[in-house]
Protein backbone atom coordinates (compact mmCIF):
# COMPACT_ATOMS: atom_id res chain seq x y z
CA MET A 1 -12.91 63.37 -14.53
CA GLY A 2 -10.58 60.88 -16.21
CA PHE A 3 -9.23 57.70 -14.72
CA LYS A 4 -5.72 57.91 -13.29
CA ALA A 5 -5.23 54.53 -11.58
CA VAL A 6 -6.00 50.88 -12.23
CA PHE A 7 -6.09 48.47 -9.32
CA PHE A 8 -6.28 44.69 -9.54
CA ASP A 9 -7.39 41.87 -7.32
CA LEU A 10 -4.59 39.31 -6.99
CA ASP A 11 -5.88 35.75 -6.51
CA GLY A 12 -7.87 34.54 -9.49
CA THR A 13 -7.15 37.74 -11.42
CA LEU A 14 -3.39 38.05 -11.83
CA TYR A 15 -2.88 34.28 -11.86
CA ASP A 16 -4.92 31.05 -11.75
CA TYR A 17 -5.58 30.64 -8.03
CA ASP A 18 -7.88 27.63 -8.41
CA ARG A 19 -5.18 25.59 -10.13
CA GLY A 20 -2.55 26.52 -7.56
CA ASP A 21 -4.90 25.79 -4.67
CA ARG A 22 -5.73 22.37 -6.11
CA LEU A 23 -2.05 21.49 -6.50
CA GLY A 24 -1.29 22.77 -3.01
CA LYS A 25 -4.00 20.60 -1.48
CA GLU A 26 -2.78 17.59 -3.43
CA ALA A 27 0.67 18.17 -1.95
CA ILE A 28 -0.87 18.23 1.56
CA VAL A 29 -2.66 14.94 0.89
CA SER A 30 0.60 13.35 -0.26
CA TYR A 31 2.44 14.63 2.83
CA MET A 32 -0.15 13.20 5.20
CA LYS A 33 -0.03 9.86 3.38
CA GLU A 34 3.77 9.73 3.53
CA HIS A 35 4.15 10.79 7.17
CA PHE A 36 1.02 9.35 8.78
CA GLY A 37 -0.34 6.79 6.33
CA LEU A 38 -3.65 8.64 6.03
CA ASP A 39 -6.06 7.97 3.19
CA GLN A 40 -6.75 11.03 1.05
CA ASP A 41 -10.42 11.08 2.04
CA VAL A 42 -9.46 11.28 5.71
CA THR A 43 -7.09 14.17 5.05
CA ARG A 44 -9.53 16.06 2.84
CA ALA A 45 -12.32 15.70 5.41
CA ALA A 46 -9.99 16.95 8.17
CA LEU A 47 -8.96 19.88 5.98
CA SER A 48 -12.61 20.81 5.49
CA ARG A 49 -13.30 20.66 9.21
CA ALA A 50 -10.24 22.80 9.96
CA PHE A 51 -11.34 25.36 7.36
CA ARG A 52 -14.79 25.65 8.93
CA GLU A 53 -13.41 25.77 12.47
CA SER A 54 -10.86 28.48 11.62
CA ARG A 55 -13.60 30.61 10.07
CA GLU A 56 -15.79 30.16 13.14
CA ARG A 57 -12.97 31.25 15.46
CA ILE A 58 -11.43 34.03 13.40
CA GLY A 59 -14.42 35.21 11.38
CA TYR A 60 -14.67 36.22 7.75
CA ASP A 61 -13.48 39.82 7.86
CA SER A 62 -9.81 39.45 8.82
CA GLY A 63 -6.76 38.57 6.76
CA SER A 64 -5.93 35.93 9.37
CA THR A 65 -8.84 33.85 8.14
CA HIS A 66 -6.57 32.78 5.24
CA ASN A 67 -3.66 31.71 7.46
CA ARG A 68 -2.76 28.16 6.42
CA LEU A 69 -0.53 27.58 9.44
CA ILE A 70 -3.56 28.02 11.71
CA ARG A 71 -5.65 25.69 9.55
CA TYR A 72 -3.03 22.94 9.51
CA GLN A 73 -2.48 23.28 13.25
CA MET A 74 -6.22 22.73 13.74
CA MET A 75 -6.21 19.79 11.33
CA LEU A 76 -3.38 18.06 13.20
CA GLU A 77 -5.06 18.71 16.54
CA ASP A 78 -8.32 17.29 15.18
CA LEU A 79 -6.50 14.12 14.08
CA SER A 80 -4.56 13.87 17.39
CA LEU A 81 -1.28 14.16 15.49
CA PRO A 82 1.85 16.09 16.57
CA ILE A 83 1.77 19.77 15.68
CA HIS A 84 5.53 20.28 15.49
CA PRO A 85 7.19 20.24 13.02
CA HIS A 86 4.32 19.28 10.75
CA ALA A 87 2.10 22.36 10.90
CA MET A 88 4.88 24.64 9.69
CA ALA A 89 6.05 22.06 7.14
CA LEU A 90 2.52 21.76 5.74
CA ALA A 91 2.05 25.53 5.51
CA ALA A 92 5.37 25.93 3.70
CA LEU A 93 4.53 23.02 1.39
CA TYR A 94 1.14 24.43 0.44
CA TRP A 95 2.37 27.91 -0.37
CA ASP A 96 5.57 26.76 -2.06
CA THR A 97 3.50 24.49 -4.30
CA LEU A 98 0.87 27.10 -5.11
CA ILE A 99 3.33 29.92 -5.72
CA GLY A 100 5.82 27.73 -7.58
CA SER A 101 3.16 26.49 -9.99
CA SER A 102 1.73 29.93 -10.78
CA SER A 103 2.35 32.25 -13.71
CA PRO A 104 0.82 35.58 -14.75
CA GLU A 105 -2.41 35.47 -16.71
CA PRO A 106 -1.84 35.68 -20.49
CA GLY A 107 -1.47 39.27 -21.61
CA LEU A 108 -1.18 40.65 -18.09
CA VAL A 109 2.45 41.79 -18.19
CA PRO A 110 2.08 43.74 -21.47
CA LEU A 111 -1.07 45.36 -20.07
CA LEU A 112 0.65 46.41 -16.85
CA ALA A 113 3.64 47.69 -18.80
CA ALA A 114 1.38 49.76 -21.05
CA LEU A 115 -0.46 51.23 -18.06
CA LYS A 116 2.81 52.15 -16.38
CA ALA A 117 4.22 53.64 -19.57
CA GLY A 118 1.02 55.61 -20.03
CA GLY A 119 1.39 57.31 -16.67
CA TYR A 120 -1.35 55.43 -14.82
CA VAL A 121 -0.91 54.39 -11.20
CA THR A 122 -1.07 50.60 -10.96
CA GLY A 123 -1.81 48.68 -7.81
CA VAL A 124 -3.19 45.61 -6.11
CA GLY A 125 -5.96 45.54 -3.50
CA THR A 126 -6.28 42.04 -2.10
CA ASN A 127 -7.63 39.87 0.67
CA MET A 128 -4.97 37.69 2.33
CA THR A 129 -1.96 37.99 4.60
CA ALA A 130 0.66 40.48 3.48
CA MET A 131 3.73 38.22 3.46
CA ILE A 132 2.12 35.66 1.17
CA GLN A 133 0.90 38.32 -1.26
CA PHE A 134 4.37 39.87 -1.35
CA ARG A 135 5.78 36.45 -2.22
CA LYS A 136 3.23 35.89 -4.97
CA LEU A 137 3.94 39.21 -6.67
CA GLU A 138 7.67 38.53 -6.51
CA ALA A 139 7.35 35.00 -7.92
CA LEU A 140 5.04 36.24 -10.68
CA GLY A 141 7.60 38.90 -11.60
CA LEU A 142 5.04 41.69 -11.22
CA TRP A 143 6.68 44.02 -8.72
CA PRO A 144 8.29 46.21 -11.43
CA TYR A 145 4.77 47.10 -12.60
CA ILE A 146 3.07 47.61 -9.22
CA ASP A 147 3.10 50.99 -7.48
CA ILE A 148 0.76 50.21 -4.59
CA LEU A 149 -0.24 47.17 -2.54
CA VAL A 150 -3.10 47.08 -0.04
CA THR A 151 -3.85 43.84 1.82
CA SER A 152 -6.79 43.02 4.04
CA GLU A 153 -4.36 42.13 6.81
CA GLU A 154 -2.94 45.66 6.59
CA VAL A 155 -6.26 47.48 6.87
CA GLY A 156 -7.93 45.06 9.29
CA THR A 157 -10.89 44.02 7.17
CA GLU A 158 -11.68 42.08 4.00
CA LYS A 159 -13.23 43.01 0.70
CA PRO A 160 -15.98 43.89 -0.01
CA ASP A 161 -15.53 46.32 2.90
CA ARG A 162 -14.86 49.70 1.32
CA LYS A 163 -11.87 50.29 3.60
CA VAL A 164 -9.70 48.17 1.27
CA PHE A 165 -10.69 50.25 -1.76
CA ASP A 166 -10.47 53.54 0.11
CA TRP A 167 -6.88 52.78 1.06
CA CYS A 168 -6.00 51.98 -2.55
CA ALA A 169 -7.13 55.44 -3.63
CA ARG A 170 -5.64 57.09 -0.55
CA LYS A 171 -2.19 55.63 -1.22
CA ALA A 172 -2.44 56.80 -4.82
CA GLY A 173 -3.36 60.30 -3.71
CA LEU A 174 -6.53 60.12 -5.80
CA SER A 175 -10.27 60.18 -5.32
CA ASN A 176 -12.05 56.84 -5.54
CA ARG A 177 -13.86 57.91 -8.71
CA GLU A 178 -10.51 58.34 -10.47
CA CYS A 179 -9.76 54.63 -9.93
CA ILE A 180 -10.67 51.47 -11.82
CA TYR A 181 -10.72 48.16 -9.97
CA ILE A 182 -10.46 44.83 -11.81
CA GLY A 183 -11.31 41.53 -10.13
CA ASP A 184 -12.69 38.06 -10.80
CA THR A 185 -15.65 38.03 -8.37
CA TRP A 186 -18.81 40.06 -8.43
CA GLY A 187 -19.45 40.35 -4.70
CA HIS A 188 -15.99 40.93 -3.24
CA ASP A 189 -14.47 42.83 -6.14
CA ILE A 190 -16.95 44.57 -8.41
CA ALA A 191 -19.79 45.33 -6.00
CA GLY A 192 -17.24 46.24 -3.33
CA ALA A 193 -15.38 48.63 -5.62
CA GLU A 194 -18.54 50.27 -6.93
CA ASN A 195 -19.96 50.69 -3.43
CA ALA A 196 -16.75 52.55 -2.63
CA GLY A 197 -17.19 54.87 -5.61
CA MET A 198 -14.72 53.18 -7.95
CA THR A 199 -15.48 51.75 -11.38
CA GLY A 200 -15.41 47.95 -11.15
CA ILE A 201 -14.61 45.73 -14.11
CA LEU A 202 -15.05 41.96 -13.97
CA TYR A 203 -12.21 39.78 -15.22
CA ARG A 204 -13.89 36.78 -16.84
CA GLY A 205 -16.07 35.81 -13.88
CA LYS A 206 -18.70 33.12 -13.65
CA ASP A 207 -21.95 32.85 -15.57
CA ARG A 208 -23.88 33.74 -12.42
CA ASP A 209 -22.17 37.13 -12.17
CA PRO A 210 -24.62 39.89 -13.23
CA VAL A 211 -22.30 41.59 -15.71
CA PRO A 212 -22.93 41.59 -19.48
CA GLU A 213 -20.16 39.94 -21.46
CA GLU A 214 -19.23 43.17 -23.22
CA GLU A 215 -18.56 44.79 -19.85
CA ARG A 216 -16.07 42.10 -18.80
CA ILE A 217 -12.45 41.54 -19.60
CA LEU A 218 -12.46 38.10 -21.18
CA SER A 219 -8.70 38.09 -21.73
CA PHE A 220 -5.95 40.55 -20.90
CA GLU A 221 -4.53 39.72 -24.33
CA ASP A 222 -7.43 41.67 -25.89
CA CYS A 223 -6.90 44.84 -23.86
CA LEU A 224 -4.19 46.50 -25.95
CA ARG A 225 -5.49 47.84 -29.25
CA GLU A 226 -4.45 50.52 -31.67
CA ASP A 227 -6.96 53.04 -30.33
CA GLY A 228 -6.13 52.57 -26.66
CA ILE A 229 -6.25 50.29 -23.63
CA HIS A 230 -9.63 48.55 -23.50
CA LEU A 231 -10.89 47.44 -20.09
CA GLY A 232 -14.36 46.07 -20.71
CA LYS A 233 -16.37 48.99 -22.12
CA ILE A 234 -13.83 51.55 -20.89
CA ARG A 235 -11.13 52.82 -23.25
CA LEU A 236 -8.10 54.53 -21.78
CA PRO A 237 -5.68 56.52 -23.92
CA TYR A 238 -2.14 55.19 -23.95
CA HIS A 239 -0.96 58.35 -22.17
CA THR A 240 -2.73 60.21 -19.38
CA GLY A 241 -1.64 63.57 -20.74
CA SER A 242 -0.65 64.72 -17.29
């Protein structure tokens, strides 16, 4: 059976999440310095405590675990600082900074355009709250190329739970084995997809990830070749023939 859909992780795969997260946190540090005179080490330590506390309360398998408003509320409470209006201001600042500084990974847009033109279903299966992921896709200019979005908030659990991957295939009207899933982490993305019966392909990834280099996508810029669309060791024809 041939592949008919290609799904992508969002954060760290479609754009550089680490860079955006770093800039967002720097903006939070600057805000706390300006409004409360706090040293950056104090703010960063409070952020770390709030992150741990939010995970302990919410858990690790819900989209709400990523909610920055909750984290900043906890941080302000921990520091005995007023919640309003600062928690909402901090959440808006973080996401505006991260999203505003982000751009699609090199070669991604031509790859998505080629998949769409070839008749493949294209989608995103992602951990995170839905509203933020909608905003990211809009700011990145990727909505014209995306047929399907599944968020962990929507399905009530996080990758690597197979429910996220099952819903990707279900929305596409396909079996899981007809779907490819591309992501930047081994555990959440590749192992999760393969446990759900999809074919997982690592995008770059870290040295510790147990995937041979030839089975990874090192750059989306290398995916489009004369003989087809190359996704790691998989070659897709430019047209599905359907």
